């Protein structure tokens, strides 16, 4: 929530270069709260792994709702999956 509030207070698009912050941005994106461009990690000319800066494009409507209510929306649980026996799956038997 703190990072989402921080993003709401800055002018977008904005960039973030810290790898730990980029990981937090991934979480916000996965939750549907922001749209962000995160380039893949690559190996530089010194054979070191490098993460280019991420660009936060926008806070989504879902992210705005979270900010306005101050609570994280709960995900609807998926219905339980039931395995059907192979013989009962065939029609007419």
N, C-alpha and C. Protein backbone atom coordinates (compact mmCIF):
# COMPACT_ATOMS: atom_id res chain seq x y z
N UNK A 1 0.82 -1.19 0.00
CA UNK A 1 0.00 0.00 0.00
C UNK A 1 0.87 1.26 0.00
N UNK A 2 1.96 1.22 0.75
CA UNK A 2 2.81 2.42 0.84
C UNK A 2 3.39 2.77 -0.53
N UNK A 3 3.83 1.77 -1.27
CA UNK A 3 4.39 2.04 -2.59
C UNK A 3 3.30 2.54 -3.53
N UNK A 4 2.12 1.98 -3.44
CA UNK A 4 1.02 2.44 -4.29
C UNK A 4 0.66 3.90 -3.96
N UNK A 5 0.65 4.24 -2.68
CA UNK A 5 0.40 5.63 -2.28
C UNK A 5 1.50 6.56 -2.82
N UNK A 6 2.74 6.10 -2.73
CA UNK A 6 3.87 6.90 -3.23
C UNK A 6 3.71 7.15 -4.73
N UNK A 7 3.35 6.10 -5.46
CA UNK A 7 3.17 6.25 -6.91
C UNK A 7 2.02 7.20 -7.23
N UNK A 8 1.00 7.22 -6.39
CA UNK A 8 -0.13 8.13 -6.62
C UNK A 8 0.26 9.58 -6.41
N UNK A 9 1.35 9.80 -5.68
CA UNK A 9 1.75 11.18 -5.39
C UNK A 9 2.79 11.74 -6.36
N UNK A 10 3.26 10.92 -7.29
CA UNK A 10 4.27 11.40 -8.25
C UNK A 10 3.66 11.47 -9.64
N UNK A 11 4.32 12.22 -10.48
CA UNK A 11 3.87 12.35 -11.87
C UNK A 11 4.27 11.09 -12.64
N UNK A 12 3.31 10.50 -13.32
CA UNK A 12 3.57 9.30 -14.12
C UNK A 12 3.57 9.67 -15.59
N UNK A 13 4.35 9.01 -16.40
CA UNK A 13 5.19 7.85 -16.08
C UNK A 13 6.43 8.25 -15.29
N UNK A 14 6.92 7.31 -14.49
CA UNK A 14 8.15 7.51 -13.74
C UNK A 14 8.99 6.23 -13.84
N UNK A 15 10.27 6.36 -13.56
CA UNK A 15 11.15 5.20 -13.65
C UNK A 15 11.68 4.85 -12.27
N UNK A 16 12.02 3.57 -12.14
CA UNK A 16 12.60 3.05 -10.90
C UNK A 16 13.72 2.10 -11.28
N UNK A 17 14.92 2.34 -10.71
CA UNK A 17 16.09 1.53 -11.08
C UNK A 17 16.48 0.52 -10.01
N UNK A 18 16.03 0.69 -8.79
CA UNK A 18 16.41 -0.21 -7.70
C UNK A 18 15.76 -1.59 -7.91
N UNK A 19 16.58 -2.66 -8.01
CA UNK A 19 16.02 -3.99 -8.25
C UNK A 19 15.00 -4.44 -7.20
N UNK A 20 15.20 -4.07 -5.93
CA UNK A 20 14.24 -4.44 -4.89
C UNK A 20 12.90 -3.74 -5.12
N UNK A 21 12.95 -2.50 -5.54
CA UNK A 21 11.71 -1.76 -5.83
C UNK A 21 11.03 -2.32 -7.08
N UNK A 22 11.82 -2.75 -8.04
CA UNK A 22 11.25 -3.34 -9.25
C UNK A 22 10.51 -4.62 -8.89
N UNK A 23 11.04 -5.39 -7.95
CA UNK A 23 10.32 -6.59 -7.50
C UNK A 23 8.99 -6.21 -6.86
N UNK A 24 8.95 -5.13 -6.09
CA UNK A 24 7.69 -4.67 -5.49
C UNK A 24 6.72 -4.19 -6.56
N UNK A 25 7.25 -3.58 -7.61
CA UNK A 25 6.40 -3.16 -8.73
C UNK A 25 5.78 -4.37 -9.42
N UNK A 26 6.54 -5.44 -9.52
CA UNK A 26 6.01 -6.69 -10.10
C UNK A 26 4.80 -7.19 -9.30
N UNK A 27 4.89 -7.09 -7.99
CA UNK A 27 3.78 -7.52 -7.13
C UNK A 27 2.55 -6.65 -7.37
N UNK A 28 2.73 -5.33 -7.43
CA UNK A 28 1.61 -4.43 -7.70
C UNK A 28 1.00 -4.69 -9.07
N UNK A 29 1.85 -5.00 -10.04
CA UNK A 29 1.34 -5.31 -11.38
C UNK A 29 0.56 -6.61 -11.36
N UNK A 30 1.08 -7.61 -10.70
CA UNK A 30 0.39 -8.91 -10.62
C UNK A 30 -0.97 -8.78 -9.93
N UNK A 31 -1.08 -7.86 -8.99
CA UNK A 31 -2.35 -7.62 -8.29
C UNK A 31 -3.30 -6.79 -9.13
N UNK A 32 -2.82 -6.26 -10.26
CA UNK A 32 -3.67 -5.46 -11.13
C UNK A 32 -3.79 -4.01 -10.69
N UNK A 33 -2.86 -3.53 -9.86
CA UNK A 33 -2.94 -2.17 -9.34
C UNK A 33 -2.21 -1.15 -10.21
N UNK A 34 -1.23 -1.59 -10.99
CA UNK A 34 -0.49 -0.67 -11.85
C UNK A 34 -0.21 -1.33 -13.19
N UNK A 35 0.14 -0.47 -14.16
CA UNK A 35 0.71 -0.94 -15.43
C UNK A 35 2.16 -0.48 -15.42
N UNK A 36 3.07 -1.41 -15.69
CA UNK A 36 4.49 -1.10 -15.62
C UNK A 36 5.22 -1.86 -16.73
N UNK A 37 6.23 -1.22 -17.28
CA UNK A 37 7.11 -1.88 -18.26
C UNK A 37 8.39 -2.28 -17.53
N UNK A 38 8.66 -3.57 -17.50
CA UNK A 38 9.87 -4.06 -16.85
C UNK A 38 10.66 -4.84 -17.89
N UNK A 39 11.80 -4.31 -18.25
CA UNK A 39 12.67 -4.97 -19.23
C UNK A 39 13.30 -6.21 -18.60
N UNK A 40 13.59 -7.21 -19.41
CA UNK A 40 14.23 -8.41 -18.85
C UNK A 40 15.65 -8.13 -18.38
N UNK A 41 16.07 -8.90 -17.42
CA UNK A 41 17.46 -8.82 -16.94
C UNK A 41 18.37 -9.31 -18.07
N UNK A 42 19.53 -8.69 -18.20
CA UNK A 42 20.47 -9.11 -19.24
C UNK A 42 21.89 -9.12 -18.67
N UNK A 43 22.79 -9.74 -19.41
CA UNK A 43 24.20 -9.81 -19.03
C UNK A 43 24.94 -8.70 -19.77
N UNK A 44 25.68 -7.88 -19.01
CA UNK A 44 26.40 -6.78 -19.65
C UNK A 44 27.75 -7.25 -20.19
N UNK A 45 28.55 -6.33 -20.71
CA UNK A 45 29.83 -6.67 -21.33
C UNK A 45 30.85 -7.19 -20.31
N UNK A 46 30.59 -6.98 -19.02
CA UNK A 46 31.48 -7.48 -17.96
C UNK A 46 30.96 -8.80 -17.37
N UNK A 47 29.97 -9.38 -18.04
CA UNK A 47 29.36 -10.65 -17.62
C UNK A 47 28.64 -10.53 -16.29
N UNK A 48 28.07 -9.36 -16.02
CA UNK A 48 27.28 -9.12 -14.81
C UNK A 48 25.80 -9.02 -15.20
N UNK A 49 24.94 -9.52 -14.33
CA UNK A 49 23.50 -9.41 -14.57
C UNK A 49 23.07 -7.97 -14.29
N UNK A 50 22.31 -7.40 -15.20
CA UNK A 50 21.82 -6.02 -15.07
C UNK A 50 20.32 -5.97 -15.27
N UNK A 51 19.66 -5.20 -14.42
CA UNK A 51 18.22 -4.96 -14.55
C UNK A 51 18.02 -3.52 -14.99
N UNK A 52 17.56 -3.31 -16.21
CA UNK A 52 17.28 -1.93 -16.63
C UNK A 52 16.15 -1.34 -15.78
N UNK A 53 16.08 -0.02 -15.71
CA UNK A 53 15.01 0.61 -14.93
C UNK A 53 13.62 0.21 -15.45
N UNK A 54 12.67 0.17 -14.54
CA UNK A 54 11.27 -0.09 -14.88
C UNK A 54 10.56 1.25 -15.05
N UNK A 55 9.55 1.26 -15.89
CA UNK A 55 8.76 2.47 -16.10
C UNK A 55 7.32 2.22 -15.68
N UNK A 56 6.88 2.92 -14.64
CA UNK A 56 5.49 2.83 -14.19
C UNK A 56 4.67 3.74 -15.08
N UNK A 57 3.70 3.16 -15.77
CA UNK A 57 2.89 3.92 -16.73
C UNK A 57 1.65 4.53 -16.10
N UNK A 58 0.96 3.75 -15.27
CA UNK A 58 -0.28 4.26 -14.68
C UNK A 58 -0.71 3.42 -13.50
N UNK A 59 -1.56 4.02 -12.69
CA UNK A 59 -2.28 3.29 -11.65
C UNK A 59 -3.61 2.90 -12.27
N UNK A 60 -3.96 1.64 -12.19
CA UNK A 60 -5.18 1.14 -12.83
C UNK A 60 -6.41 1.56 -12.02
N UNK A 61 -7.60 1.43 -12.60
CA UNK A 61 -8.82 1.69 -11.82
C UNK A 61 -8.89 0.84 -10.55
N UNK A 62 -8.45 -0.39 -10.64
CA UNK A 62 -8.43 -1.26 -9.46
C UNK A 62 -7.49 -0.68 -8.40
N UNK A 63 -6.33 -0.20 -8.82
CA UNK A 63 -5.39 0.42 -7.90
C UNK A 63 -5.97 1.68 -7.27
N UNK A 64 -6.70 2.45 -8.04
CA UNK A 64 -7.34 3.67 -7.52
C UNK A 64 -8.41 3.31 -6.47
N UNK A 65 -9.15 2.22 -6.72
CA UNK A 65 -10.15 1.78 -5.74
C UNK A 65 -9.49 1.40 -4.42
N UNK A 66 -8.36 0.68 -4.53
CA UNK A 66 -7.63 0.28 -3.32
C UNK A 66 -7.17 1.52 -2.56
N UNK A 67 -6.68 2.51 -3.28
CA UNK A 67 -6.24 3.75 -2.63
C UNK A 67 -7.41 4.48 -1.97
N UNK A 68 -8.55 4.50 -2.61
CA UNK A 68 -9.69 5.25 -2.06
C UNK A 68 -10.31 4.55 -0.86
N UNK A 69 -10.32 3.22 -0.86
CA UNK A 69 -10.93 2.49 0.26
C UNK A 69 -9.93 2.18 1.36
N UNK A 70 -8.64 2.13 1.00
CA UNK A 70 -7.62 1.82 1.99
C UNK A 70 -7.53 0.35 2.32
N UNK A 71 -8.23 -0.49 1.57
CA UNK A 71 -8.17 -1.93 1.80
C UNK A 71 -7.89 -2.66 0.50
N UNK A 72 -7.19 -3.75 0.64
CA UNK A 72 -6.87 -4.60 -0.51
C UNK A 72 -8.09 -5.45 -0.82
N UNK A 73 -8.45 -5.51 -2.08
CA UNK A 73 -9.57 -6.35 -2.49
C UNK A 73 -9.18 -7.82 -2.38
N UNK A 74 -10.07 -8.60 -1.81
CA UNK A 74 -9.83 -10.03 -1.71
C UNK A 74 -10.14 -10.68 -3.04
N UNK A 75 -9.32 -11.63 -3.41
CA UNK A 75 -9.58 -12.37 -4.63
C UNK A 75 -10.71 -13.37 -4.38
N UNK A 76 -11.55 -13.57 -5.37
CA UNK A 76 -12.58 -14.58 -5.27
C UNK A 76 -11.91 -15.94 -5.40
N UNK A 77 -12.13 -16.84 -4.43
CA UNK A 77 -11.48 -18.15 -4.53
C UNK A 77 -11.99 -18.92 -5.74
N UNK A 78 -11.10 -19.68 -6.32
CA UNK A 78 -11.47 -20.51 -7.47
C UNK A 78 -12.31 -21.68 -6.99
N UNK A 79 -13.27 -22.11 -7.79
CA UNK A 79 -14.07 -23.26 -7.38
C UNK A 79 -13.18 -24.51 -7.33
N UNK A 80 -13.54 -25.43 -6.47
CA UNK A 80 -12.77 -26.66 -6.32
C UNK A 80 -12.86 -27.46 -7.61
N UNK A 81 -11.77 -28.04 -8.00
CA UNK A 81 -11.73 -28.89 -9.19
C UNK A 81 -12.00 -30.32 -8.76
N UNK A 82 -12.87 -30.99 -9.46
CA UNK A 82 -13.20 -32.38 -9.14
C UNK A 82 -12.72 -33.25 -10.29
N UNK A 83 -12.07 -34.33 -9.93
CA UNK A 83 -11.64 -35.28 -10.95
C UNK A 83 -12.80 -36.21 -11.26
N UNK A 84 -13.02 -36.41 -12.51
CA UNK A 84 -14.06 -37.35 -12.92
C UNK A 84 -13.40 -38.65 -13.30
N UNK A 85 -14.01 -39.72 -12.89
CA UNK A 85 -13.49 -41.04 -13.23
C UNK A 85 -13.61 -41.23 -14.74
N UNK A 86 -12.66 -41.89 -15.32
CA UNK A 86 -12.63 -42.07 -16.77
C UNK A 86 -13.90 -42.72 -17.30
N UNK A 87 -14.48 -43.66 -16.55
CA UNK A 87 -15.67 -44.33 -17.03
C UNK A 87 -16.89 -43.42 -16.97
N UNK A 88 -16.97 -42.53 -15.99
CA UNK A 88 -18.12 -41.64 -15.90
C UNK A 88 -18.01 -40.47 -16.86
N UNK A 89 -16.83 -40.22 -17.38
CA UNK A 89 -16.65 -39.11 -18.30
C UNK A 89 -17.21 -39.42 -19.67
N UNK A 90 -17.32 -40.73 -20.00
CA UNK A 90 -17.82 -41.09 -21.33
C UNK A 90 -19.34 -41.09 -21.31
N UNK A 91 -19.93 -40.52 -22.32
CA UNK A 91 -21.40 -40.50 -22.38
C UNK A 91 -21.92 -41.81 -22.96
N UNK A 92 -23.09 -42.21 -22.49
CA UNK A 92 -23.73 -43.40 -23.02
C UNK A 92 -23.30 -44.69 -22.37
N UNK A 93 -22.38 -44.64 -21.42
CA UNK A 93 -21.95 -45.87 -20.72
C UNK A 93 -22.67 -46.02 -19.42
